[in-house]
Amino acid sequence: MRDLAWGIAATGGIARTVGAVIAAEPGMRVAAVGSRDLGRAEALAATLGAGTAHGSYAELCADPAVDAVYVATPHALHLEVAEAAIAAGKAVLCEKPLAATVADAERMVRLAREAGVFLMEALWMRFDPLIRMLARDERFGEIRSVRASFGFALPYDPAHRLWAPELGGGALLDLGIYPMGLAQHFLGQPESTHFTGSAAASGVDAEAGGLMRYPGGRRALVECSLVAAYANDASVVGTGMRADLDAPFWAPRRVVLSGPGMEPEEHVLDDPADNGYAGELREVRDCLAQGRAESAIMPLDDSLAMMRMLADARSQIS
């Protein structure tokens, strides 16, 4: 098989990070970079060894040399780029959250499904080797509780994308998706949620804490913040075993398992570079090779459910 040729939409930090992983991954290459600023696209293309730079996302998506598009734009632009890529028949790996709004996410999924084009949210946490190991471990028994936090102090600047509502800013969309996503991964969909927090002067949520309730009294306690630093660790507790995930829990390098009648087990990531980015890229490649338009590891229904949970949590913050 020939290399999977990627087009990268945007040139920010995450585009550079994932682009470097693509360039280093066997069987893949960066074929083109697109940006509304051609100079920035040319600079990143040169860094990643891409042969082409485009001055618009539309041109990138139409490029016949591109097989798959990695969408790394601000959230508010996800739909625009994904829609163009899907119309061109390109597979799409879209940064988390899938879109800025529930309506945008629903449209993206509908378009991809109608066209039979691959679409997946790039929630790298799902592809972390240690988290995947935990998800397969039957020693947990019935999982009763998930606790996770993600917070740091970011000086307020209304022009910064995390503080700007027009760019999909706020703590929940960027940070909250991780603790909520860990709960979703291990507990499924909650029966109800209760969130509290505070809003920034720009109107976006600055911090949030929530209780997510599940059948039988199971629960998740989640927190996120742009105004205070948290431990950024997590725990998953079952009737038979618990797991404590070191910070950053969404890409842990160390997990400790403990429980009644067992010696604590320490699991350390063998290759720190294999932190989930490579895994999500390989999943796109494998799905395309198998003719699948959706991932079983990161299903679109999970992405839509998360968008609805995030919207509900944001609506509770005043």
Protein backbone atom coordinates (compact mmCIF):
# COMPACT_ATOMS: atom_id res chain seq x y z
CA MET A 1 0.00 0.00 0.00
CA ARG A 2 1.15 3.53 -0.71
CA ASP A 3 1.61 5.99 2.12
CA LEU A 4 -1.52 7.62 3.52
CA ALA A 5 -1.23 11.24 2.39
CA TRP A 6 -2.45 13.79 4.91
CA GLY A 7 -3.50 17.37 4.50
CA ILE A 8 -3.25 19.51 7.63
CA ALA A 9 -5.78 22.30 8.07
CA ALA A 10 -4.26 25.06 10.25
CA THR A 11 -0.78 25.80 11.52
CA GLY A 12 -1.10 26.24 15.29
CA GLY A 13 0.56 24.25 18.06
CA ILE A 14 -1.58 21.12 17.78
CA ALA A 15 -1.21 21.11 13.98
CA ARG A 16 2.57 21.21 14.39
CA THR A 17 2.54 18.48 17.04
CA VAL A 18 0.32 16.03 15.19
CA GLY A 19 1.94 16.92 11.87
CA ALA A 20 5.30 15.86 13.26
CA VAL A 21 3.79 12.55 14.39
CA ILE A 22 2.37 11.98 10.91
CA ALA A 23 5.72 12.74 9.31
CA ALA A 24 7.46 10.25 11.61
CA GLU A 25 4.86 7.47 11.35
CA PRO A 26 5.69 4.63 8.91
CA GLY A 27 3.22 4.46 6.04
CA MET A 28 2.13 8.09 6.37
CA ARG A 29 3.27 11.46 5.15
CA VAL A 30 2.14 15.06 5.15
CA ALA A 31 1.28 15.90 1.55
CA ALA A 32 -0.05 19.43 2.06
CA VAL A 33 -0.74 22.14 4.61
CA GLY A 34 -3.57 24.65 4.37
CA SER A 35 -4.13 27.96 6.13
CA ARG A 36 -5.81 31.28 5.52
CA ASP A 37 -2.26 32.65 5.78
CA LEU A 38 -0.24 31.19 2.91
CA GLY A 39 3.06 32.17 4.49
CA ARG A 40 2.27 30.17 7.63
CA ALA A 41 1.18 27.21 5.51
CA GLU A 42 4.42 27.34 3.55
CA ALA A 43 6.50 27.48 6.73
CA LEU A 44 4.81 24.44 8.29
CA ALA A 45 4.88 22.54 4.99
CA ALA A 46 8.63 23.05 4.80
CA THR A 47 9.07 21.87 8.39
CA LEU A 48 7.03 18.70 7.81
CA GLY A 49 8.38 17.89 4.35
CA ALA A 50 5.07 18.52 2.63
CA GLY A 51 5.20 19.26 -1.07
CA THR A 52 2.34 21.73 -1.20
CA ALA A 53 1.02 24.69 0.77
CA HIS A 54 -2.42 26.20 0.24
CA GLY A 55 -3.71 29.64 1.16
CA SER A 56 -7.22 28.38 1.97
CA TYR A 57 -8.84 25.37 3.56
CA ALA A 58 -11.01 24.85 0.48
CA GLU A 59 -7.92 24.45 -1.70
CA LEU A 60 -6.42 21.99 0.75
CA CYS A 61 -9.56 19.84 0.77
CA ALA A 62 -9.74 19.86 -3.03
CA ASP A 63 -6.09 18.82 -3.45
CA PRO A 64 -6.08 15.48 -5.33
CA ALA A 65 -2.82 14.47 -3.62
CA VAL A 66 -4.55 14.44 -0.20
CA ASP A 67 -6.25 11.28 1.11
CA ALA A 68 -7.21 12.48 4.59
CA VAL A 69 -7.59 15.87 6.24
CA TYR A 70 -6.58 16.57 9.81
CA VAL A 71 -8.67 19.51 11.07
CA ALA A 72 -6.72 21.52 13.65
CA THR A 73 -8.51 24.86 13.34
CA PRO A 74 -10.31 26.62 16.21
CA HIS A 75 -13.55 24.84 17.08
CA ALA A 76 -15.76 27.35 15.30
CA LEU A 77 -14.17 26.44 11.96
CA HIS A 78 -14.40 22.65 12.31
CA LEU A 79 -17.67 22.38 10.40
CA GLU A 80 -16.50 24.57 7.51
CA VAL A 81 -13.34 22.54 6.93
CA ALA A 82 -14.89 19.13 7.56
CA GLU A 83 -17.79 19.91 5.23
CA ALA A 84 -15.38 20.81 2.42
CA ALA A 85 -13.30 17.69 3.04
CA ILE A 86 -16.32 15.39 3.12
CA ALA A 87 -17.66 16.93 -0.11
CA ALA A 88 -14.29 16.15 -1.70
CA GLY A 89 -14.41 12.56 -0.46
CA LYS A 90 -11.50 12.98 1.96
CA ALA A 91 -11.35 11.11 5.25
CA VAL A 92 -11.53 13.51 8.20
CA LEU A 93 -9.79 13.42 11.56
CA CYS A 94 -11.17 16.42 13.47
CA GLU A 95 -9.69 17.83 16.65
CA LYS A 96 -11.77 17.67 19.79
CA PRO A 97 -14.42 18.77 20.44
CA LEU A 98 -15.95 17.62 17.19
CA ALA A 99 -17.53 21.05 16.66
CA ALA A 100 -18.36 24.27 18.45
CA THR A 101 -22.07 23.45 18.77
CA VAL A 102 -24.33 20.42 18.84
CA ALA A 103 -25.96 21.52 15.58
CA ASP A 104 -22.59 21.75 13.83
CA ALA A 105 -21.56 18.31 15.10
CA GLU A 106 -24.84 16.76 14.02
CA ARG A 107 -24.44 18.25 10.55
CA MET A 108 -20.89 16.94 10.25
CA VAL A 109 -21.93 13.42 11.21
CA ARG A 110 -24.97 13.47 8.93
CA LEU A 111 -22.91 14.63 5.95
CA ALA A 112 -20.22 12.02 6.56
CA ARG A 113 -22.71 9.21 6.96
CA GLU A 114 -24.72 10.21 3.90
CA ALA A 115 -21.53 10.38 1.81
CA GLY A 116 -20.00 7.24 3.32
CA VAL A 117 -16.86 9.24 4.15
CA PHE A 118 -14.74 8.48 7.21
CA LEU A 119 -15.03 10.94 10.10
CA MET A 120 -13.55 10.67 13.59
CA GLU A 121 -13.00 13.00 16.51
CA ALA A 122 -9.34 13.28 17.52
CA LEU A 123 -9.71 12.64 21.23
CA TRP A 124 -6.20 11.28 21.71
CA MET A 125 -6.98 10.13 25.27
CA ARG A 126 -9.01 7.23 23.88
CA PHE A 127 -5.91 5.98 22.08
CA ASP A 128 -3.42 6.26 24.93
CA PRO A 129 -1.89 2.79 25.50
CA LEU A 130 -2.36 2.85 29.28
CA ILE A 131 -5.98 3.99 29.07
CA ARG A 132 -6.69 1.32 26.47
CA MET A 133 -5.11 -1.23 28.81
CA LEU A 134 -7.44 -0.12 31.62
CA ALA A 135 -10.51 -0.30 29.40
CA ARG A 136 -9.77 -3.98 28.74
CA ASP A 137 -9.05 -4.99 32.35
CA GLU A 138 -11.90 -7.08 33.75
CA ARG A 139 -10.51 -6.98 37.30
CA PHE A 140 -12.33 -3.68 37.90
CA GLY A 141 -15.57 -5.57 38.32
CA GLU A 142 -18.38 -3.03 38.23
CA ILE A 143 -16.96 0.46 37.92
CA ARG A 144 -18.59 2.64 40.55
CA SER A 145 -16.78 5.96 40.36
CA VAL A 146 -14.59 8.11 38.12
CA ARG A 147 -12.88 11.25 39.39
CA ALA A 148 -10.83 13.55 37.16
CA SER A 149 -9.70 17.17 37.00
CA PHE A 150 -8.01 19.39 34.41
CA GLY A 151 -7.22 22.99 35.25
CA PHE A 152 -4.58 25.66 34.86
CA ALA A 153 -4.45 29.42 35.37
CA LEU A 154 -4.58 31.33 32.09
CA PRO A 155 -4.38 35.15 32.29
CA TYR A 156 -7.56 36.68 30.97
CA ASP A 157 -7.25 38.02 27.43
CA PRO A 158 -10.49 38.41 25.46
CA ALA A 159 -8.54 37.97 22.21
CA HIS A 160 -7.18 34.56 23.23
CA ARG A 161 -9.13 31.70 21.66
CA LEU A 162 -9.86 30.10 25.05
CA TRP A 163 -11.56 33.29 26.26
CA ALA A 164 -13.26 34.22 22.97
CA PRO A 165 -16.84 32.96 22.47
CA GLU A 166 -16.66 33.41 18.69
CA LEU A 167 -13.76 30.92 18.60
CA GLY A 168 -15.51 28.35 20.79
CA GLY A 169 -13.69 29.34 23.97
CA GLY A 170 -14.30 28.24 27.53
CA ALA A 171 -12.99 25.65 29.95
CA LEU A 172 -15.52 22.94 29.17
CA LEU A 173 -14.95 22.58 25.43
CA ASP A 174 -11.16 22.54 25.68
CA LEU A 175 -10.49 21.01 29.10
CA GLY A 176 -13.74 19.59 30.44
CA ILE A 177 -14.04 17.19 27.54
CA TYR A 178 -11.17 15.17 29.05
CA PRO A 179 -12.55 14.43 32.53
CA MET A 180 -16.04 14.08 31.07
CA GLY A 181 -14.61 11.89 28.32
CA LEU A 182 -12.89 9.63 30.85
CA ALA A 183 -16.22 9.21 32.63
CA GLN A 184 -17.97 8.50 29.34
CA HIS A 185 -15.34 5.91 28.39
CA PHE A 186 -15.68 3.94 31.62
CA LEU A 187 -19.27 4.61 32.72
CA GLY A 188 -21.16 5.41 29.52
CA GLN A 189 -23.87 8.05 29.38
CA PRO A 190 -25.14 9.62 32.62
CA GLU A 191 -28.77 9.72 33.67
CA SER A 192 -28.37 13.30 34.82
CA THR A 193 -25.73 15.93 35.50
CA HIS A 194 -25.37 18.86 37.86
CA PHE A 195 -22.74 21.49 37.06
CA THR A 196 -21.72 24.68 38.74
CA GLY A 197 -18.99 27.19 37.95
CA SER A 198 -18.33 30.73 36.84
CA ALA A 199 -18.24 32.70 33.61
CA ALA A 200 -15.57 35.06 32.32
CA ALA A 201 -16.24 38.66 31.33
CA SER A 202 -16.44 37.52 27.71
CA GLY A 203 -19.28 35.16 28.61
CA VAL A 204 -17.47 31.84 28.21
CA ASP A 205 -17.28 29.37 31.10
CA ALA A 206 -14.11 30.01 33.10
CA GLU A 207 -14.42 26.97 35.38
CA ALA A 208 -16.84 24.15 36.03
CA GLY A 209 -17.35 21.28 38.41
CA GLY A 210 -19.90 18.57 37.93
CA LEU A 211 -21.54 15.49 39.34
CA MET A 212 -22.56 13.01 36.65
CA ARG A 213 -25.06 10.39 37.86
CA TYR A 214 -25.42 6.88 36.43
CA PRO A 215 -27.83 4.00 37.11
CA GLY A 216 -27.42 2.25 40.42
CA GLY A 217 -25.78 5.18 42.17
CA ARG A 218 -22.60 5.14 40.10
CA ARG A 219 -21.06 8.57 39.59
CA ALA A 220 -18.34 10.74 38.16
CA LEU A 221 -16.86 13.85 39.75
CA VAL A 222 -15.27 16.11 37.17
CA GLU A 223 -13.65 19.55 37.25
CA CYS A 224 -12.07 21.93 34.76
CA SER A 225 -10.71 25.45 35.07
CA LEU A 226 -8.95 28.24 33.21
CA VAL A 227 -8.46 30.22 36.43
CA ALA A 228 -6.86 27.74 38.86
CA ALA A 229 -4.36 24.89 38.70
CA TYR A 230 -5.69 21.43 39.56
CA ALA A 231 -3.94 18.12 40.21
CA ASN A 232 -4.85 16.96 36.67
CA ASP A 233 -4.89 13.35 37.81
CA ALA A 234 -7.72 10.81 37.87
CA SER A 235 -8.99 7.64 39.46
CA VAL A 236 -11.27 4.88 38.24
CA VAL A 237 -12.76 2.78 41.06
CA GLY A 238 -14.50 -0.55 40.67
CA THR A 239 -15.82 -3.22 43.01
CA GLY A 240 -12.71 -5.31 42.42
CA MET A 241 -9.94 -2.83 41.71
CA ARG A 242 -9.03 0.83 41.38
CA ALA A 243 -6.70 2.66 39.02
CA ASP A 244 -4.88 5.87 39.86
CA LEU A 245 -3.69 7.79 36.80
CA ASP A 246 -0.80 10.20 37.21
CA ALA A 247 -1.01 13.69 35.75
CA PRO A 248 -1.70 14.38 33.00
CA PHE A 249 -4.39 11.71 33.24
CA TRP A 250 -5.44 12.15 29.60
CA ALA A 251 -1.94 11.06 28.51
CA PRO A 252 -0.56 9.26 31.57
CA ARG A 253 2.93 7.84 31.70
CA ARG A 254 2.18 5.92 34.91
CA VAL A 255 -0.86 4.10 36.27
CA VAL A 256 -1.07 2.23 39.57
CA LEU A 257 -3.61 -0.56 40.06
CA SER A 258 -4.60 -1.70 43.54
CA GLY A 259 -7.34 -3.65 45.24
CA PRO A 260 -8.26 -6.24 47.85
CA GLY A 261 -5.92 -9.21 47.81
CA MET A 262 -3.57 -7.84 45.17
CA GLU A 263 -0.17 -6.25 45.31
CA PRO A 264 -0.14 -2.75 43.78
CA GLU A 265 0.78 -2.89 40.11
CA GLU A 266 2.68 -0.05 38.50
CA HIS A 267 2.37 0.29 34.74
CA VAL A 268 4.66 2.75 32.97
CA LEU A 269 4.37 3.79 29.35
CA ASP A 270 7.23 2.06 27.54
CA ASP A 271 7.51 4.65 24.82
CA PRO A 272 6.60 8.17 26.01
CA ALA A 273 6.21 9.22 22.38
CA ASP A 274 3.37 6.73 21.92
CA ASN A 275 0.93 8.90 23.85
CA GLY A 276 -2.21 8.59 21.77
CA TYR A 277 -1.52 10.78 18.74
CA ALA A 278 0.03 7.92 16.80
CA GLY A 279 -2.80 5.65 17.88
CA GLU A 280 -5.53 7.86 16.48
CA LEU A 281 -3.65 8.24 13.20
CA ARG A 282 -3.22 4.47 12.92
CA GLU A 283 -6.92 4.03 13.61
CA VAL A 284 -7.75 6.25 10.63
CA ARG A 285 -5.37 4.25 8.43
CA ASP A 286 -6.74 0.90 9.62
CA CYS A 287 -10.38 1.93 9.21
CA LEU A 288 -9.73 3.14 5.67
CA ALA A 289 -7.88 -0.08 4.83
CA GLN A 290 -10.85 -2.07 6.13
CA GLY A 291 -13.42 0.06 4.33
CA ARG A 292 -14.97 1.38 7.56
CA ALA A 293 -16.37 4.91 7.69
CA GLU A 294 -16.47 5.07 11.51
CA SER A 295 -14.17 4.03 14.33
CA ALA A 296 -15.17 1.48 16.94
CA ILE A 297 -12.71 3.02 19.42
CA MET A 298 -14.02 6.59 19.00
CA PRO A 299 -17.57 6.16 17.62
CA LEU A 300 -19.39 9.16 16.21
CA ASP A 301 -22.34 8.46 18.49
CA ASP A 302 -20.01 8.98 21.46
CA SER A 303 -18.82 12.26 19.96
CA LEU A 304 -22.40 13.47 19.51
CA ALA A 305 -23.33 12.40 23.03
CA MET A 306 -20.34 14.31 24.38
CA MET A 307 -21.31 17.45 22.46
CA ARG A 308 -24.76 17.29 24.04
CA MET A 309 -23.29 16.78 27.52
CA LEU A 310 -20.94 19.71 27.05
CA ALA A 311 -23.80 21.91 25.85
CA ASP A 312 -25.91 20.91 28.85
CA ALA A 313 -23.04 21.63 31.26
CA ARG A 314 -22.37 25.03 29.65
CA SER A 315 -26.04 25.92 29.97
CA GLN A 316 -25.84 25.34 33.73
CA ILE A 317 -22.92 27.74 34.24
CA SER A 318 -23.90 31.32 35.07
